[in-house]
Amino acid sequence: MYDVLIIGGGAAGMSCALVLGSAKPKPFAADKQIAIVTHQKTSHLQNALFNNVLGLTPGTLGADILESGTKQLKQLYPHVEQIDSEKVTSVLRTAEGFTITTNKGSYQSKLVVIAVGYTNLLTIQGFESYVEPHPRAAIEKDRIWLKNEDHLVDNGLYVAGTLAGWRSQFAIASGSGAQVATDILTLWNDGKQTKIHDKV
């Protein structure tokens, strides 16, 4: 049983995992079991080029960020389990949380963060009742979002990135994932507003 399982290894999902992973030294997060399904084949980062993102060298490729992100997570926060080469097919609520089924197995988690793209090709079962037309995308692009309030779709179910209703911009998606992580940390910290900073 995971305490939280993140679905999606793009900007939002990896940012969420990094912030959650960085909280391990805190007593309220020390024993938490965290995992991320890092399926990245359909990420919009695959063909992205960045010249306008603070902190990134102009010319940085999204494909390189996908690769370096998983390495960064593994090197800095190895306690965050990376589930690669698996694609989630369904997320169903249980009495204890959720059952997450992939094309290769099944997992249990108390909380779920869904951070996949916002195309109408979303094939994960269990989210149908939350899907609506995306509020910040051109109608002709036929994008979707999971209706939410401050990233919370339903009890224990969070959404991050473009699927949360945000625009497809790297900095926005990353920030959305980090926001969800701090919301979860606040939950774990008995409702005390929580953020994690590294200092020199």
Protein backbone atom coordinates (compact mmCIF):
# COMPACT_ATOMS: atom_id res chain seq x y z
CA MET A 1 0.00 0.00 0.00
CA TYR A 2 1.50 3.30 -1.12
CA ASP A 3 0.67 6.53 0.65
CA VAL A 4 0.64 8.26 -2.73
CA LEU A 5 1.04 7.08 -6.30
CA ILE A 6 1.65 9.59 -9.09
CA ILE A 7 0.58 8.72 -12.62
CA GLY A 8 2.62 10.46 -15.31
CA GLY A 9 6.32 11.17 -15.71
CA GLY A 10 6.13 14.56 -17.44
CA ALA A 11 6.68 18.03 -16.00
CA ALA A 12 3.82 17.95 -13.49
CA GLY A 13 4.27 14.37 -12.32
CA MET A 14 8.05 14.54 -11.93
CA SER A 15 7.86 17.90 -10.13
CA CYS A 16 5.33 16.44 -7.72
CA ALA A 17 7.55 13.40 -7.09
CA LEU A 18 10.67 15.51 -6.51
CA VAL A 19 8.99 17.74 -3.92
CA LEU A 20 7.41 14.78 -2.13
CA GLY A 21 10.71 12.92 -2.20
CA SER A 22 12.59 15.88 -0.75
CA ALA A 23 10.37 15.84 2.35
CA LYS A 24 11.69 12.51 3.69
CA PRO A 25 13.80 14.15 6.45
CA LYS A 26 10.61 15.59 7.96
CA PRO A 27 9.00 13.40 10.65
CA PHE A 28 5.56 13.57 9.02
CA ALA A 29 6.95 12.21 5.72
CA ALA A 30 9.72 9.90 6.92
CA ASP A 31 7.73 6.66 6.63
CA LYS A 32 5.59 7.53 3.62
CA GLN A 33 5.63 5.14 0.67
CA ILE A 34 5.74 7.14 -2.58
CA ALA A 35 5.69 5.86 -6.16
CA ILE A 36 5.42 7.30 -9.66
CA VAL A 37 4.43 5.58 -12.88
CA THR A 38 6.93 7.19 -15.23
CA HIS A 39 5.30 6.32 -18.53
CA GLN A 40 6.51 9.15 -20.79
CA LYS A 41 5.89 8.06 -24.37
CA THR A 42 2.95 10.42 -24.88
CA SER A 43 4.36 13.36 -22.91
CA HIS A 44 4.31 16.69 -24.73
CA LEU A 45 7.90 17.09 -23.59
CA GLN A 46 8.97 14.51 -26.18
CA ASN A 47 9.07 17.18 -28.92
CA ALA A 48 9.50 20.34 -26.83
CA LEU A 49 12.26 22.94 -27.17
CA PHE A 50 12.77 25.51 -24.40
CA ASN A 51 14.13 29.01 -24.84
CA ASN A 52 11.82 30.91 -22.48
CA VAL A 53 11.99 29.00 -19.18
CA LEU A 54 13.78 30.55 -16.21
CA GLY A 55 16.69 28.36 -15.11
CA LEU A 56 16.88 26.25 -18.26
CA THR A 57 19.66 26.82 -20.77
CA PRO A 58 18.12 28.09 -24.03
CA GLY A 59 17.86 25.23 -26.49
CA THR A 60 17.10 22.62 -23.81
CA LEU A 61 15.08 19.74 -25.23
CA GLY A 62 12.06 18.33 -23.48
CA ALA A 63 13.21 14.80 -24.27
CA ASP A 64 16.41 15.48 -22.33
CA ILE A 65 14.40 16.75 -19.36
CA LEU A 66 12.37 13.54 -19.34
CA GLU A 67 15.58 11.52 -19.14
CA SER A 68 17.39 13.73 -16.65
CA GLY A 69 14.30 14.03 -14.45
CA THR A 70 14.07 10.31 -13.75
CA LYS A 71 17.82 10.24 -13.04
CA GLN A 72 17.55 13.22 -10.67
CA LEU A 73 14.71 11.55 -8.79
CA LYS A 74 16.61 8.27 -8.52
CA GLN A 75 19.86 9.89 -7.39
CA LEU A 76 18.45 12.37 -4.86
CA TYR A 77 15.37 10.52 -3.61
CA PRO A 78 15.82 6.78 -4.28
CA HIS A 79 13.07 5.98 -1.78
CA VAL A 80 10.54 7.20 -4.38
CA GLU A 81 9.77 4.07 -6.38
CA GLN A 82 9.76 4.55 -10.14
CA ILE A 83 7.45 2.20 -12.02
CA ASP A 84 8.58 2.36 -15.63
CA SER A 85 7.47 0.52 -18.77
CA GLU A 86 3.91 0.25 -17.43
CA LYS A 87 0.81 2.06 -18.60
CA VAL A 88 -2.09 2.68 -16.23
CA THR A 89 -5.41 1.30 -17.48
CA SER A 90 -7.72 2.00 -14.54
CA VAL A 91 -7.95 3.75 -11.18
CA LEU A 92 -10.80 2.50 -9.01
CA ARG A 93 -11.77 3.56 -5.51
CA THR A 94 -11.60 1.04 -2.67
CA ALA A 95 -12.39 1.21 1.03
CA GLU A 96 -8.71 1.97 1.79
CA GLY A 97 -8.00 4.27 -1.16
CA PHE A 98 -7.50 3.20 -4.76
CA THR A 99 -6.55 0.20 -6.87
CA ILE A 100 -4.36 1.24 -9.78
CA THR A 101 -4.18 -1.32 -12.57
CA THR A 102 -1.54 -1.25 -15.30
CA ASN A 103 -0.91 -3.38 -18.36
CA LYS A 104 1.46 -5.45 -16.19
CA GLY A 105 0.16 -5.41 -12.65
CA SER A 106 -1.89 -3.85 -9.88
CA TYR A 107 -1.08 -1.44 -7.02
CA GLN A 108 -2.84 -0.04 -3.97
CA SER A 109 -2.53 3.57 -2.80
CA LYS A 110 -4.18 5.82 -0.26
CA LEU A 111 -3.82 8.88 -2.53
CA VAL A 112 -3.49 9.20 -6.31
CA VAL A 113 -2.14 12.10 -8.37
CA ILE A 114 -3.05 11.97 -12.07
CA ALA A 115 -0.61 14.03 -14.14
CA VAL A 116 -0.98 12.85 -17.71
CA GLY A 117 -1.66 14.99 -20.78
CA TYR A 118 -4.91 16.75 -21.58
CA THR A 119 -5.79 15.12 -24.88
CA ASN A 120 -9.17 13.53 -25.35
CA LEU A 121 -7.34 10.23 -25.85
CA LEU A 122 -7.30 9.63 -22.09
CA THR A 123 -7.99 5.91 -21.75
CA ILE A 124 -7.66 5.38 -18.00
CA GLN A 125 -10.91 3.97 -16.64
CA GLY A 126 -12.34 5.49 -13.48
CA PHE A 127 -12.19 9.17 -14.44
CA GLU A 128 -15.13 9.33 -16.85
CA SER A 129 -17.45 11.26 -14.54
CA TYR A 130 -14.86 14.04 -14.05
CA VAL A 131 -13.97 14.72 -17.70
CA GLU A 132 -15.06 18.06 -19.20
CA PRO A 133 -13.86 20.29 -22.06
CA HIS A 134 -10.65 22.09 -21.14
CA PRO A 135 -11.35 25.68 -19.96
CA ARG A 136 -8.05 27.15 -21.23
CA ALA A 137 -7.55 25.47 -24.60
CA ALA A 138 -8.87 26.27 -28.06
CA ILE A 139 -12.15 24.44 -28.67
CA GLU A 140 -10.93 23.00 -31.98
CA LYS A 141 -8.06 21.21 -30.17
CA ASP A 142 -10.61 19.10 -28.28
CA ARG A 143 -8.64 19.12 -25.01
CA ILE A 144 -10.05 17.90 -21.70
CA TRP A 145 -9.59 18.43 -17.99
CA LEU A 146 -10.65 16.63 -14.84
CA LYS A 147 -12.95 19.03 -13.05
CA ASN A 148 -11.32 19.96 -9.76
CA GLU A 149 -11.07 22.56 -7.05
CA ASP A 150 -7.48 23.60 -6.31
CA HIS A 151 -6.22 20.34 -7.88
CA LEU A 152 -8.50 18.15 -5.76
CA VAL A 153 -10.85 16.11 -7.97
CA ASP A 154 -12.37 14.00 -5.21
CA ASN A 155 -11.39 12.73 -1.79
CA GLY A 156 -7.85 11.39 -2.13
CA LEU A 157 -7.68 12.05 -5.87
CA TYR A 158 -5.56 14.92 -7.19
CA VAL A 159 -4.85 16.15 -10.71
CA ALA A 160 -1.84 18.18 -11.87
CA GLY A 161 -0.63 19.93 -15.00
CA THR A 162 -2.66 20.48 -18.14
CA LEU A 163 -5.24 17.88 -17.10
CA ALA A 164 -5.94 20.09 -14.06
CA GLY A 165 -7.10 22.86 -16.39
CA TRP A 166 -3.83 24.76 -16.78
CA ARG A 167 -2.27 25.92 -20.03
CA SER A 168 0.35 23.82 -21.76
CA GLN A 169 3.40 25.74 -20.54
CA PHE A 170 6.34 23.96 -18.91
CA ALA A 171 6.66 26.32 -15.95
CA ILE A 172 2.92 26.18 -15.27
CA ALA A 173 2.77 22.37 -15.39
CA SER A 174 5.83 22.06 -13.14
CA GLY A 175 4.37 24.52 -10.65
CA SER A 176 1.07 22.67 -10.65
CA GLY A 177 2.82 19.42 -9.74
CA ALA A 178 4.77 21.14 -6.97
CA GLN A 179 1.55 22.69 -5.64
CA VAL A 180 -0.11 19.29 -5.41
CA ALA A 181 2.94 17.93 -3.59
CA THR A 182 2.79 20.70 -0.98
CA ASP A 183 -0.95 20.12 -0.56
CA ILE A 184 -0.25 16.45 0.17
CA LEU A 185 2.58 17.37 2.55
CA THR A 186 0.21 19.75 4.33
CA LEU A 187 -2.28 16.89 4.66
CA TRP A 188 0.41 14.61 6.10
CA ASN A 189 1.51 17.41 8.45
CA ASP A 190 -1.89 17.52 10.19
CA GLY A 191 -3.10 20.45 8.09
CA LYS A 192 -0.17 22.75 8.89
CA GLN A 193 0.79 24.67 5.73
CA THR A 194 3.93 22.96 4.46
CA LYS A 195 6.61 23.58 1.85
CA ILE A 196 10.11 22.18 1.43
CA HIS A 197 13.13 24.36 0.68
CA ASP A 198 16.80 23.51 0.35
CA LYS A 199 19.13 26.23 1.67
CA VAL A 200 22.80 27.00 1.23
